[in-house]
Amino acid sequence: MTLVLDRNFICHLRILFCYFAHNDDNTQKIKNQYARMTY
């Protein structure tokens, strides 16, 4: 259980990092990808 949660947490951190690192054109794609993973 904890391993799965940690892996998901790392994925979220990675997506958030990309969200802040990339320009506006890419952030929309990352937003959609993040929404798909969370829901």
PDB file of N, CA and C in Angstrom:
ATOM      1  N   MET A   1       0.838  -1.210   0.000  1.00  0.00           N
ATOM      2  CA  MET A   1       0.000   0.000   0.000  1.00  0.00           C
ATOM      3  C   MET A   1       0.866   1.249   0.000  1.00  0.00           C
ATOM      4  N   THR A   2       1.821   1.291   0.901  1.00  0.00           N
ATOM      5  CA  THR A   2       2.642   2.496   1.004  1.00  0.00           C
ATOM      6  C   THR A   2       3.469   2.713  -0.259  1.00  0.00           C
ATOM      7  N   LEU A   3       3.929   1.625  -0.873  1.00  0.00           N
ATOM      8  CA  LEU A   3       4.721   1.760  -2.086  1.00  0.00           C
ATOM      9  C   LEU A   3       3.896   2.392  -3.195  1.00  0.00           C
ATOM     10  N   VAL A   4       2.640   1.964  -3.321  1.00  0.00           N
ATOM     11  CA  VAL A   4       1.776   2.518  -4.361  1.00  0.00           C
ATOM     12  C   VAL A   4       1.540   4.003  -4.109  1.00  0.00           C
ATOM     13  N   LEU A   5       1.269   4.355  -2.850  1.00  0.00           N
ATOM     14  CA  LEU A   5       1.021   5.745  -2.521  1.00  0.00           C
ATOM     15  C   LEU A   5       2.258   6.590  -2.800  1.00  0.00           C
ATOM     16  N   ASP A   6       3.430   6.071  -2.444  1.00  0.00           N
ATOM     17  CA  ASP A   6       4.664   6.814  -2.685  1.00  0.00           C
ATOM     18  C   ASP A   6       4.904   7.006  -4.177  1.00  0.00           C
ATOM     19  N   ARG A   7       4.645   5.961  -4.954  1.00  0.00           N
ATOM     20  CA  ARG A   7       4.835   6.070  -6.410  1.00  0.00           C
ATOM     21  C   ARG A   7       3.885   7.107  -6.984  1.00  0.00           C
ATOM     22  N   ASN A   8       2.625   7.103  -6.537  1.00  0.00           N
ATOM     23  CA  ASN A   8       1.673   8.106  -7.016  1.00  0.00           C
ATOM     24  C   ASN A   8       2.114   9.502  -6.621  1.00  0.00           C
ATOM     25  N   PHE A   9       2.615   9.641  -5.399  1.00  0.00           N
ATOM     26  CA  PHE A   9       3.072  10.934  -4.914  1.00  0.00           C
ATOM     27  C   PHE A   9       4.227  11.448  -5.762  1.00  0.00           C
ATOM     28  N   ILE A  10       5.156  10.556  -6.094  1.00  0.00           N
ATOM     29  CA  ILE A  10       6.294  10.944  -6.936  1.00  0.00           C
ATOM     30  C   ILE A  10       5.804  11.353  -8.317  1.00  0.00           C
ATOM     31  N   CYS A  11       4.825  10.641  -8.853  1.00  0.00           N
ATOM     32  CA  CYS A  11       4.266  11.004 -10.156  1.00  0.00           C
ATOM     33  C   CYS A  11       3.646  12.386 -10.094  1.00  0.00           C
ATOM     34  N   HIS A  12       2.923  12.679  -9.026  1.00  0.00           N
ATOM     35  CA  HIS A  12       2.301  13.990  -8.884  1.00  0.00           C
ATOM     36  C   HIS A  12       3.363  15.068  -8.803  1.00  0.00           C
ATOM     37  N   LEU A  13       4.432  14.823  -8.061  1.00  0.00           N
ATOM     38  CA  LEU A  13       5.515  15.794  -7.950  1.00  0.00           C
ATOM     39  C   LEU A  13       6.154  16.028  -9.312  1.00  0.00           C
ATOM     40  N   ARG A  14       6.339  14.946 -10.062  1.00  0.00           N
ATOM     41  CA  ARG A  14       6.954  15.066 -11.381  1.00  0.00           C
ATOM     42  C   ARG A  14       6.073  15.909 -12.305  1.00  0.00           C
ATOM     43  N   ILE A  15       4.751  15.661 -12.254  1.00  0.00           N
ATOM     44  CA  ILE A  15       3.827  16.418 -13.098  1.00  0.00           C
ATOM     45  C   ILE A  15       3.810  17.886 -12.686  1.00  0.00           C
ATOM     46  N   LEU A  16       3.796  18.141 -11.372  1.00  0.00           N
ATOM     47  CA  LEU A  16       3.806  19.525 -10.908  1.00  0.00           C
ATOM     48  C   LEU A  16       5.100  20.217 -11.319  1.00  0.00           C
ATOM     49  N   PHE A  17       6.220  19.502 -11.260  1.00  0.00           N
ATOM     50  CA  PHE A  17       7.495  20.076 -11.683  1.00  0.00           C
ATOM     51  C   PHE A  17       7.439  20.466 -13.159  1.00  0.00           C
ATOM     52  N   CYS A  18       6.903  19.558 -13.987  1.00  0.00           N
ATOM     53  CA  CYS A  18       6.757  19.860 -15.415  1.00  0.00           C
ATOM     54  C   CYS A  18       5.813  21.036 -15.609  1.00  0.00           C
ATOM     55  N   TYR A  19       4.773  21.099 -14.774  1.00  0.00           N
ATOM     56  CA  TYR A  19       3.790  22.168 -14.884  1.00  0.00           C
ATOM     57  C   TYR A  19       4.451  23.531 -14.714  1.00  0.00           C
ATOM     58  N   PHE A  20       5.382  23.622 -13.759  1.00  0.00           N
ATOM     59  CA  PHE A  20       6.036  24.903 -13.525  1.00  0.00           C
ATOM     60  C   PHE A  20       7.234  25.118 -14.449  1.00  0.00           C
ATOM     61  N   ALA A  21       7.812  24.034 -14.955  1.00  0.00           N
ATOM     62  CA  ALA A  21       9.029  24.156 -15.747  1.00  0.00           C
ATOM     63  C   ALA A  21       8.742  24.516 -17.201  1.00  0.00           C
ATOM     64  N   HIS A  22       7.615  24.046 -17.742  1.00  0.00           N
ATOM     65  CA  HIS A  22       7.345  24.229 -19.167  1.00  0.00           C
ATOM     66  C   HIS A  22       6.489  25.468 -19.421  1.00  0.00           C
ATOM     67  N   ASN A  23       6.394  25.806 -20.680  1.00  0.00           N
ATOM     68  CA  ASN A  23       5.644  27.008 -21.055  1.00  0.00           C
ATOM     69  C   ASN A  23       4.141  26.730 -21.100  1.00  0.00           C
ATOM     70  N   ASP A  24       3.357  27.740 -21.414  1.00  0.00           N
ATOM     71  CA  ASP A  24       1.895  27.635 -21.337  1.00  0.00           C
ATOM     72  C   ASP A  24       1.335  26.599 -22.310  1.00  0.00           C
ATOM     73  N   ASP A  25       1.976  26.418 -23.464  1.00  0.00           N
ATOM     74  CA  ASP A  25       1.465  25.452 -24.437  1.00  0.00           C
ATOM     75  C   ASP A  25       1.481  24.043 -23.870  1.00  0.00           C
ATOM     76  N   ASN A  26       2.515  23.737 -23.094  1.00  0.00           N
ATOM     77  CA  ASN A  26       2.634  22.384 -22.550  1.00  0.00           C
ATOM     78  C   ASN A  26       1.849  22.216 -21.259  1.00  0.00           C
ATOM     79  N   THR A  27       1.619  23.299 -20.532  1.00  0.00           N
ATOM     80  CA  THR A  27       0.953  23.171 -19.240  1.00  0.00           C
ATOM     81  C   THR A  27      -0.476  22.654 -19.403  1.00  0.00           C
ATOM     82  N   GLN A  28      -1.144  23.038 -20.481  1.00  0.00           N
ATOM     83  CA  GLN A  28      -2.513  22.560 -20.682  1.00  0.00           C
ATOM     84  C   GLN A  28      -2.532  21.046 -20.868  1.00  0.00           C
ATOM     85  N   LYS A  29      -1.586  20.522 -21.627  1.00  0.00           N
ATOM     86  CA  LYS A  29      -1.500  19.073 -21.816  1.00  0.00           C
ATOM     87  C   LYS A  29      -1.211  18.386 -20.488  1.00  0.00           C
ATOM     88  N   ILE A  30      -0.301  18.976 -19.710  1.00  0.00           N
ATOM     89  CA  ILE A  30       0.057  18.382 -18.425  1.00  0.00           C
ATOM     90  C   ILE A  30      -1.124  18.446 -17.469  1.00  0.00           C
ATOM     91  N   LYS A  31      -1.873  19.547 -17.506  1.00  0.00           N
ATOM     92  CA  LYS A  31      -3.083  19.641 -16.681  1.00  0.00           C
ATOM     93  C   LYS A  31      -4.042  18.504 -17.005  1.00  0.00           C
ATOM     94  N   ASN A  32      -4.274  18.266 -18.293  1.00  0.00           N
ATOM     95  CA  ASN A  32      -5.191  17.201 -18.697  1.00  0.00           C
ATOM     96  C   ASN A  32      -4.671  15.842 -18.248  1.00  0.00           C
ATOM     97  N   GLN A  33      -3.364  15.634 -18.385  1.00  0.00           N
ATOM     98  CA  GLN A  33      -2.780  14.364 -17.973  1.00  0.00           C
ATOM     99  C   GLN A  33      -2.917  14.192 -16.464  1.00  0.00           C
ATOM    100  N   TYR A  34      -2.694  15.272 -15.721  1.00  0.00           N
ATOM    101  CA  TYR A  34      -2.801  15.202 -14.266  1.00  0.00           C
ATOM    102  C   TYR A  34      -4.241  14.901 -13.858  1.00  0.00           C
ATOM    103  N   ALA A  35      -5.208  15.512 -14.541  1.00  0.00           N
ATOM    104  CA  ALA A  35      -6.614  15.268 -14.234  1.00  0.00           C
ATOM    105  C   ALA A  35      -6.975  13.809 -14.514  1.00  0.00           C
ATOM    106  N   ARG A  36      -6.437  13.242 -15.595  1.00  0.00           N
ATOM    107  CA  ARG A  36      -6.727  11.844 -15.919  1.00  0.00           C
ATOM    108  C   ARG A  36      -6.171  10.918 -14.838  1.00  0.00           C
ATOM    109  N   MET A  37      -4.992  11.231 -14.316  1.00  0.00           N
ATOM    110  CA  MET A  37      -4.384  10.351 -13.323  1.00  0.00           C
ATOM    111  C   MET A  37      -5.109  10.437 -11.988  1.00  0.00           C
ATOM    112  N   THR A  38      -5.607  11.617 -11.643  1.00  0.00           N
ATOM    113  CA  THR A  38      -6.218  11.776 -10.332  1.00  0.00           C
ATOM    114  C   THR A  38      -7.649  11.251 -10.323  1.00  0.00           C
ATOM    115  N   TYR A  39      -8.336  11.276 -11.477  1.00  0.00           N
ATOM    116  CA  TYR A  39      -9.738  10.867 -11.494  1.00  0.00           C
ATOM    117  C   TYR A  39      -9.987   9.616 -12.310  1.00  0.00           C
TER     118      TYR A  39
END
